[in-house]
Amino acid sequence: MGGGVSSWHAPSQEDFEFSGWFGTTWFNKPMLLAIIGFVGVLAYWLIASRRLKVIPSKAQFFAEYVYDFVRNIGRDMIGPGYRRFTPYLLTLFSFILVSNWFGETFVFMFPTFSRVSYAYAGAILTFLAYVIAGFAKHGLGYLRVALIPSGVPPWLYPVIIPLEFLSSFITRPLTLSVRLFANMFAGHMSIMVFVGGGAALLGWVHNSFYNVTGVFALLFGVAMLCLELFIGFLQAYIFTILAAQYIGSSVGAAH
């Protein structure tokens, strides 16, 4: 291999692993980004909720627009009683969106949810939210709501109950987390391939074809970055709407 590019290596799973800081194994770059995202979201909504005016400023209008956007998700998916779940849905949407977006910028360059453990944490919190909400609403009768769809004859219970248990208590949190993780992991990996590979080809000595190819690869990497910003929003929206749907199925009379 020539041209000084032999030191470049293709992105791999190792690029998503980070050593711990300050003698720990857990406090690393993803954890720092999660803390920054949490503090940023908390600070934003605390500031945005202060000194509200009847005639809103542009900043207040934007905050109200985001709030209404998430509130409408809760209203449509949960129905009556949705307001008490709106703070959780708003926090969930804001944190995932911010983590996805600043994770694609050149300052941070790492989406928090491209580490599956953080996606698992979001799914577990959502799982607890809809299970606790179900028991709070129905008591032990929640098990019947969750495991026995209305209209199913008793002779089908031995088949339906295990399937509904698998769907409600195992498949839901698993697919919720894997969907978010897989999209952010694959998107970030794609950007790394095109940007890193494009930079390597652009710096290849005495090969104009590789240099031109590197330019196109970098441009495509920028296009992928723009696409990932949209996917970051889409994943935050999908995660939130599914969380609201699961909560709605728990507090509803039947499903």
Protein backbone atom coordinates (compact mmCIF):
# COMPACT_ATOMS: atom_id res chain seq x y z
CA MET A 1 0.00 0.00 0.00
CA GLY A 2 1.34 3.44 -0.86
CA GLY A 3 0.56 7.08 -0.59
CA GLY A 4 0.76 7.22 3.19
CA VAL A 5 -2.70 5.72 3.76
CA SER A 6 -1.59 2.40 5.23
CA SER A 7 -2.15 3.79 8.73
CA TRP A 8 -5.86 4.28 8.04
CA HIS A 9 -8.12 1.45 9.11
CA ALA A 10 -11.73 0.80 8.25
CA PRO A 11 -14.23 1.65 11.01
CA SER A 12 -15.23 -1.28 13.19
CA GLN A 13 -17.00 -2.09 16.44
CA GLU A 14 -13.83 -1.09 18.30
CA ASP A 15 -14.52 2.55 17.40
CA PHE A 16 -17.60 2.37 19.63
CA GLU A 17 -15.62 1.25 22.68
CA PHE A 18 -14.06 3.77 25.05
CA SER A 19 -11.75 3.47 28.03
CA GLY A 20 -12.92 4.80 31.37
CA TRP A 21 -11.59 8.04 32.84
CA PHE A 22 -10.32 8.83 36.35
CA GLY A 23 -9.64 5.19 37.13
CA THR A 24 -13.18 4.02 36.36
CA THR A 25 -14.57 1.71 33.70
CA TRP A 26 -17.98 3.39 33.43
CA PHE A 27 -17.21 7.12 33.20
CA ASN A 28 -16.20 7.49 29.57
CA LYS A 29 -17.16 9.53 26.50
CA PRO A 30 -20.68 8.06 26.05
CA MET A 31 -21.44 8.65 29.73
CA LEU A 32 -20.18 12.23 29.50
CA LEU A 33 -22.35 12.86 26.45
CA ALA A 34 -25.37 11.36 28.25
CA ILE A 35 -24.77 13.71 31.19
CA ILE A 36 -24.37 16.71 28.88
CA GLY A 37 -27.59 15.77 27.09
CA PHE A 38 -29.50 15.38 30.35
CA VAL A 39 -28.22 18.63 31.85
CA GLY A 40 -28.85 20.48 28.58
CA VAL A 41 -32.44 19.25 28.28
CA LEU A 42 -33.17 19.95 31.95
CA ALA A 43 -31.70 23.46 31.76
CA TYR A 44 -33.55 24.26 28.54
CA TRP A 45 -36.98 23.33 29.85
CA LEU A 46 -36.41 25.03 33.21
CA ILE A 47 -35.44 28.24 31.44
CA ALA A 48 -38.19 27.93 28.81
CA SER A 49 -40.88 27.51 31.48
CA ARG A 50 -39.96 30.72 33.30
CA ARG A 51 -41.61 34.10 32.70
CA LEU A 52 -44.14 32.85 30.18
CA LYS A 53 -46.06 35.60 28.39
CA VAL A 54 -49.48 35.74 26.78
CA ILE A 55 -47.83 37.02 23.61
CA PRO A 56 -44.88 34.62 23.33
CA SER A 57 -41.41 35.53 22.19
CA LYS A 58 -39.78 33.47 19.46
CA ALA A 59 -38.01 31.31 22.03
CA GLN A 60 -41.25 30.74 23.96
CA PHE A 61 -43.12 29.98 20.72
CA PHE A 62 -40.53 27.33 19.79
CA ALA A 63 -40.69 25.73 23.24
CA GLU A 64 -44.49 25.70 23.13
CA TYR A 65 -44.42 24.21 19.63
CA VAL A 66 -42.20 21.33 20.80
CA TYR A 67 -44.37 20.82 23.89
CA ASP A 68 -47.56 20.78 21.82
CA PHE A 69 -45.97 18.35 19.37
CA VAL A 70 -45.21 15.83 22.13
CA ARG A 71 -48.46 16.53 24.00
CA ASN A 72 -50.45 15.68 20.88
CA ILE A 73 -48.62 12.36 20.65
CA GLY A 74 -49.71 11.56 24.19
CA ARG A 75 -53.27 12.74 23.58
CA ASP A 76 -53.67 10.63 20.44
CA MET A 77 -51.97 7.49 21.75
CA ILE A 78 -53.05 7.49 25.42
CA GLY A 79 -56.40 9.27 25.37
CA PRO A 80 -58.04 10.62 28.55
CA GLY A 81 -55.55 11.08 31.34
CA TYR A 82 -52.64 11.67 28.96
CA ARG A 83 -51.52 14.87 30.70
CA ARG A 84 -49.80 13.11 33.61
CA PHE A 85 -47.59 11.22 31.14
CA THR A 86 -46.70 14.28 29.05
CA PRO A 87 -43.63 15.27 31.18
CA TYR A 88 -42.13 11.81 30.73
CA LEU A 89 -42.80 11.76 26.99
CA LEU A 90 -41.41 15.27 26.59
CA THR A 91 -38.24 14.36 28.52
CA LEU A 92 -37.86 11.16 26.52
CA PHE A 93 -38.28 12.89 23.16
CA SER A 94 -36.00 15.80 24.06
CA PHE A 95 -33.20 13.66 25.46
CA ILE A 96 -33.15 11.20 22.55
CA LEU A 97 -33.33 13.99 19.98
CA VAL A 98 -30.56 16.06 21.56
CA SER A 99 -28.35 13.00 22.08
CA ASN A 100 -28.82 11.94 18.46
CA TRP A 101 -28.24 15.38 17.00
CA PHE A 102 -25.17 16.54 18.88
CA GLY A 103 -23.78 13.05 18.49
CA GLU A 104 -23.61 13.68 14.75
CA THR A 105 -21.74 16.97 15.01
CA PHE A 106 -18.00 17.25 14.50
CA VAL A 107 -17.47 18.43 18.08
CA PHE A 108 -18.85 15.32 19.81
CA MET A 109 -19.07 12.83 16.92
CA PHE A 110 -20.69 10.01 18.84
CA PRO A 111 -24.44 9.37 19.18
CA THR A 112 -25.08 8.21 22.73
CA PHE A 113 -27.66 5.67 21.62
CA SER A 114 -25.25 3.95 19.27
CA ARG A 115 -24.20 2.14 22.45
CA VAL A 116 -26.90 -0.44 23.05
CA SER A 117 -26.76 -0.13 26.84
CA TYR A 118 -28.20 3.39 26.66
CA ALA A 119 -30.97 2.24 24.35
CA TYR A 120 -31.71 -0.56 26.82
CA ALA A 121 -31.93 2.00 29.63
CA GLY A 122 -34.50 4.05 27.70
CA ALA A 123 -36.53 0.94 26.92
CA ILE A 124 -36.42 -0.25 30.54
CA LEU A 125 -37.66 3.12 31.79
CA THR A 126 -40.51 3.00 29.27
CA PHE A 127 -41.26 -0.60 30.27
CA LEU A 128 -41.50 0.44 33.92
CA ALA A 129 -43.66 3.43 32.98
CA TYR A 130 -46.32 1.42 31.16
CA VAL A 131 -46.29 -1.53 33.58
CA ILE A 132 -46.56 0.70 36.67
CA ALA A 133 -49.24 2.78 34.95
CA GLY A 134 -51.15 -0.40 34.14
CA PHE A 135 -51.09 -1.69 37.71
CA ALA A 136 -51.95 1.77 39.07
CA LYS A 137 -54.99 1.90 36.79
CA HIS A 138 -56.28 -1.67 37.01
CA GLY A 139 -54.57 -3.24 40.01
CA LEU A 140 -53.96 -6.94 39.49
CA GLY A 141 -56.58 -6.76 36.75
CA TYR A 142 -53.85 -5.25 34.58
CA LEU A 143 -52.58 -8.76 33.94
CA ARG A 144 -55.89 -9.60 32.30
CA VAL A 145 -55.77 -6.40 30.25
CA ALA A 146 -52.21 -7.11 29.14
CA LEU A 147 -52.50 -10.84 28.53
CA ILE A 148 -56.06 -11.48 27.33
CA PRO A 149 -57.33 -9.43 24.36
CA SER A 150 -61.04 -8.68 24.42
CA GLY A 151 -63.22 -11.12 22.55
CA VAL A 152 -60.84 -14.08 22.79
CA PRO A 153 -62.69 -17.29 23.78
CA PRO A 154 -61.44 -19.06 26.93
CA TRP A 155 -60.34 -22.15 25.05
CA LEU A 156 -57.66 -20.04 23.33
CA TYR A 157 -56.20 -18.71 26.58
CA PRO A 158 -53.42 -21.35 26.79
CA VAL A 159 -52.14 -20.15 23.41
CA ILE A 160 -52.88 -16.42 23.66
CA ILE A 161 -51.58 -15.74 27.19
CA PRO A 162 -47.96 -16.88 26.54
CA LEU A 163 -47.91 -14.99 23.24
CA GLU A 164 -49.25 -11.81 24.81
CA PHE A 165 -46.81 -12.12 27.71
CA LEU A 166 -43.94 -12.44 25.24
CA SER A 167 -45.22 -9.46 23.25
CA SER A 168 -46.00 -7.11 26.16
CA PHE A 169 -43.18 -7.84 28.58
CA ILE A 170 -40.27 -9.05 26.46
CA THR A 171 -40.64 -8.17 22.77
CA ARG A 172 -41.78 -4.58 23.32
CA PRO A 173 -38.77 -3.33 25.32
CA LEU A 174 -36.37 -5.41 23.24
CA THR A 175 -37.55 -4.10 19.86
CA LEU A 176 -37.86 -0.57 21.25
CA SER A 177 -34.21 -0.52 22.23
CA VAL A 178 -32.76 -2.45 19.28
CA ARG A 179 -34.54 -0.24 16.73
CA LEU A 180 -33.01 2.92 18.20
CA PHE A 181 -29.57 1.42 18.71
CA ALA A 182 -29.34 -0.22 15.27
CA ASN A 183 -30.29 2.95 13.40
CA MET A 184 -27.85 5.16 15.27
CA PHE A 185 -25.04 2.59 15.13
CA ALA A 186 -25.44 1.94 11.41
CA GLY A 187 -25.76 5.63 10.57
CA HIS A 188 -22.68 6.64 12.52
CA MET A 189 -20.71 3.75 11.04
CA SER A 190 -21.69 4.84 7.51
CA ILE A 191 -20.55 8.41 8.13
CA MET A 192 -17.24 7.15 9.51
CA VAL A 193 -16.70 5.00 6.42
CA PHE A 194 -17.33 7.78 3.92
CA VAL A 195 -15.60 10.59 5.80
CA GLY A 196 -12.59 8.52 6.90
CA GLY A 197 -12.26 6.68 3.61
CA GLY A 198 -12.78 9.88 1.63
CA ALA A 199 -10.08 11.69 3.60
CA ALA A 200 -7.69 8.77 3.03
CA LEU A 201 -8.35 8.71 -0.71
CA LEU A 202 -8.06 12.49 -0.93
CA GLY A 203 -4.60 12.32 0.60
CA TRP A 204 -3.41 9.49 -1.61
CA VAL A 205 -0.23 10.62 -3.37
CA HIS A 206 0.25 10.38 -7.13
CA ASN A 207 -3.23 9.03 -7.90
CA SER A 208 -5.66 11.61 -9.25
CA PHE A 209 -8.46 9.05 -9.61
CA TYR A 210 -8.31 8.24 -5.90
CA ASN A 211 -8.17 11.93 -5.07
CA VAL A 212 -11.30 12.69 -7.09
CA THR A 213 -13.02 9.65 -5.61
CA GLY A 214 -12.12 10.95 -2.17
CA VAL A 215 -13.84 14.27 -2.90
CA PHE A 216 -17.04 12.48 -3.92
CA ALA A 217 -16.82 10.22 -0.86
CA LEU A 218 -16.53 13.25 1.43
CA LEU A 219 -19.49 14.94 -0.26
CA PHE A 220 -21.50 11.76 0.12
CA GLY A 221 -20.45 11.66 3.77
CA VAL A 222 -21.89 15.16 4.24
CA ALA A 223 -25.11 14.01 2.57
CA MET A 224 -25.18 11.02 4.92
CA LEU A 225 -24.71 13.38 7.85
CA CYS A 226 -27.77 15.39 6.78
CA LEU A 227 -29.74 12.16 6.42
CA GLU A 228 -28.62 11.06 9.87
CA LEU A 229 -29.88 14.31 11.37
CA PHE A 230 -33.30 13.49 9.95
CA ILE A 231 -33.06 9.87 11.14
CA GLY A 232 -32.07 11.12 14.59
CA PHE A 233 -35.31 13.11 14.75
CA LEU A 234 -37.31 10.23 13.30
CA GLN A 235 -35.97 7.77 15.87
CA ALA A 236 -36.80 10.15 18.73
CA TYR A 237 -40.31 10.52 17.32
CA ILE A 238 -40.82 6.77 16.82
CA PHE A 239 -39.50 5.92 20.29
CA THR A 240 -41.81 8.49 21.87
CA ILE A 241 -44.89 7.50 19.91
CA LEU A 242 -44.36 3.82 20.72
CA ALA A 243 -43.82 4.62 24.40
CA ALA A 244 -47.11 6.55 24.39
CA GLN A 245 -48.86 3.70 22.58
CA TYR A 246 -47.63 1.16 25.14
CA ILE A 247 -48.73 3.38 28.02
CA GLY A 248 -52.10 3.82 26.32
CA SER A 249 -52.53 0.06 26.00
CA SER A 250 -51.80 -0.33 29.73
CA VAL A 251 -54.24 2.28 31.01
CA GLY A 252 -56.97 1.41 28.51
CA ALA A 253 -59.85 -0.92 29.27
CA ALA A 254 -58.73 -3.60 26.82
CA HIS A 255 -56.69 -4.10 23.70
